[in-house]
Amino acid sequence: MAELTTLSVNSRGSSQQWDIKSLATNMSYVKDSNFAAGELTFDVLEVNEGWTPQNGDEVHMSWDGVKVFFGYIFKIGYSGDEKFSITAYDKLRYLKTKTRLSGLPVPSHNDLAPFAT
């Protein structure tokens, strides 16, 4: 029978890793073939172990011993019934961003001359 073998979170800026496999519920993993970022959503029961998820924390998931997801927490919700709702995206999220940099100088032809072959 197929099963979740690893679900862990590495706290940003720390070497601390939290095994949350037994605390996770309502898990969903979506990865389409259209080069969209993989999305992992799940709820985590709050326990008094000193862990609170933060945006930017790394999430690792393995299924039947095969690593299927590595990404970062982007959204966190908290409900009154002591549950965190977490959404994490893999690294393709960064490549698909629609952010633009504006106001940057445009290089002239002379600026590019040293790179010409």
Protein backbone atom coordinates (compact mmCIF):
# COMPACT_ATOMS: atom_id res chain seq x y z
CA MET A 1 0.00 0.00 0.00
CA ALA A 2 1.33 3.45 -0.94
CA GLU A 3 2.06 5.71 1.98
CA LEU A 4 3.57 8.98 3.04
CA THR A 5 7.07 8.20 4.31
CA THR A 6 8.39 11.70 5.07
CA LEU A 7 6.87 15.08 5.73
CA SER A 8 9.24 17.48 7.40
CA VAL A 9 9.86 21.21 7.73
CA ASN A 10 13.23 22.87 8.14
CA SER A 11 12.92 26.15 9.99
CA ARG A 12 14.36 29.09 8.07
CA GLY A 13 17.66 30.31 9.44
CA SER A 14 18.07 27.26 11.64
CA SER A 15 19.30 23.70 11.39
CA GLN A 16 16.16 22.54 13.23
CA GLN A 17 14.06 20.00 11.32
CA TRP A 18 10.54 19.05 12.39
CA ASP A 19 8.96 15.71 11.49
CA ILE A 20 5.28 16.59 11.07
CA LYS A 21 4.10 13.44 9.27
CA SER A 22 1.93 12.28 12.16
CA LEU A 23 0.41 15.76 12.64
CA ALA A 24 -0.60 16.47 9.02
CA THR A 25 -4.15 16.10 7.70
CA ASN A 26 -6.08 17.13 4.56
CA MET A 27 -2.98 16.83 2.39
CA SER A 28 -3.10 17.65 -1.32
CA TYR A 29 -0.24 17.67 -3.83
CA VAL A 30 -0.80 19.10 -7.30
CA LYS A 31 1.74 19.17 -10.10
CA ASP A 32 0.56 19.62 -13.65
CA SER A 33 2.37 18.88 -16.88
CA ASN A 34 2.16 22.51 -18.00
CA PHE A 35 5.33 23.52 -16.11
CA ALA A 36 3.37 25.15 -13.29
CA ALA A 37 4.83 25.12 -9.81
CA GLY A 38 3.97 22.10 -7.69
CA GLU A 39 1.65 22.97 -4.80
CA LEU A 40 1.45 21.10 -1.52
CA THR A 41 -1.31 22.03 0.91
CA PHE A 42 -1.97 20.48 4.29
CA ASP A 43 -3.21 21.18 7.80
CA VAL A 44 -0.99 20.65 10.82
CA LEU A 45 -2.30 20.24 14.34
CA GLU A 46 -0.65 22.63 16.75
CA VAL A 47 1.31 20.86 19.45
CA ASN A 48 3.33 22.35 22.23
CA GLU A 49 6.75 21.41 20.88
CA GLY A 50 8.01 24.90 20.15
CA TRP A 51 7.38 24.76 16.39
CA THR A 52 5.45 27.42 14.53
CA PRO A 53 5.55 27.38 10.71
CA GLN A 54 6.99 30.48 9.03
CA ASN A 55 6.89 31.71 5.45
CA GLY A 56 10.08 30.57 3.75
CA ASP A 57 10.49 27.36 5.77
CA GLU A 58 11.54 24.38 3.64
CA VAL A 59 9.09 21.50 3.19
CA HIS A 60 10.23 17.99 2.23
CA MET A 61 7.87 15.15 1.29
CA SER A 62 8.58 11.56 0.29
CA TRP A 63 6.03 9.00 -0.86
CA ASP A 64 6.95 5.32 -0.63
CA GLY A 65 10.56 6.38 0.00
CA VAL A 66 10.74 8.52 -3.16
CA LYS A 67 11.33 12.27 -2.77
CA VAL A 68 8.42 13.93 -4.55
CA PHE A 69 8.38 17.48 -3.17
CA PHE A 70 10.85 20.08 -2.00
CA GLY A 71 9.57 23.61 -1.66
CA TYR A 72 8.92 26.58 0.57
CA ILE A 73 5.97 27.71 2.68
CA PHE A 74 4.20 30.65 1.04
CA LYS A 75 0.91 30.83 2.95
CA ILE A 76 -0.05 30.05 6.54
CA GLY A 77 -3.47 30.25 8.10
CA TYR A 78 -4.45 29.52 11.67
CA SER A 79 -7.87 28.44 12.89
CA GLY A 80 -9.37 28.48 16.34
CA ASP A 81 -9.34 24.69 16.47
CA GLU A 82 -5.53 24.75 16.81
CA LYS A 83 -4.71 23.97 13.19
CA PHE A 84 -2.26 25.61 10.82
CA SER A 85 -3.27 25.53 7.14
CA ILE A 86 -0.12 25.57 5.02
CA THR A 87 0.52 26.08 1.32
CA ALA A 88 3.99 25.39 -0.05
CA TYR A 89 5.28 25.69 -3.62
CA ASP A 90 8.29 24.10 -5.25
CA LYS A 91 11.07 26.12 -6.87
CA LEU A 92 9.20 26.54 -10.17
CA ARG A 93 7.16 29.17 -8.34
CA TYR A 94 10.16 31.49 -8.59
CA LEU A 95 10.57 30.93 -12.32
CA LYS A 96 6.91 31.65 -13.05
CA THR A 97 6.76 34.98 -11.23
CA LYS A 98 5.32 37.97 -13.04
CA THR A 99 7.40 40.51 -11.18
CA ARG A 100 9.09 43.14 -13.34
CA LEU A 101 12.04 45.30 -12.65
CA SER A 102 11.52 48.78 -14.00
CA GLY A 103 13.68 51.86 -14.09
CA LEU A 104 16.83 49.88 -14.89
CA PRO A 105 19.18 51.43 -17.44
CA VAL A 106 19.12 49.85 -20.87
CA PRO A 107 22.63 48.96 -22.03
CA SER A 108 23.84 50.67 -25.18
CA HIS A 109 25.52 48.89 -28.05
CA ASN A 110 28.92 50.08 -26.73
CA ASP A 111 28.24 48.52 -23.34
CA LEU A 112 27.74 45.14 -24.99
CA ALA A 113 30.83 45.35 -27.25
CA PRO A 114 33.16 43.51 -24.82
CA PHE A 115 30.81 40.49 -24.97
CA ALA A 116 30.74 40.30 -28.77
CA THR A 117 32.66 37.44 -30.33
